[in-house]
Amino acid sequence: MGTAEEKTDMSGGRVAISGFGRIGRYLLRAALAREPELDIVVINDLATPATMARLLKYDTVQGRLDK
C-alpha cells in the first residue's frame, strides 16, 4: 500500500479520448495546457483526422487554437 501522498498524486498519465465532440475537444485543449503531465495516446472518432484537426483549430465555443 502506498502513502496518502502517492494516492492523491494526479500528475502524469496516459489518456485516450473516445469521441471528439465538444467535450472531447475541450479535454484535449486542457491536456495541451498541461503538456508535461498528460499524454494523449489516442483519439477515437468517426471523422477523418483532417476534419478533427479543423474542428479543434476553429472551435466556435472555445475559440481558435493557434498551438
Foldseek 3Di string as FASTA:
>chain_A
DDDPVVVPDQFADEDEAEELPPVNLVVVVVCVVVPVGYHHDYYHDPDDPVVSVVCSQDPPVPGGDPD
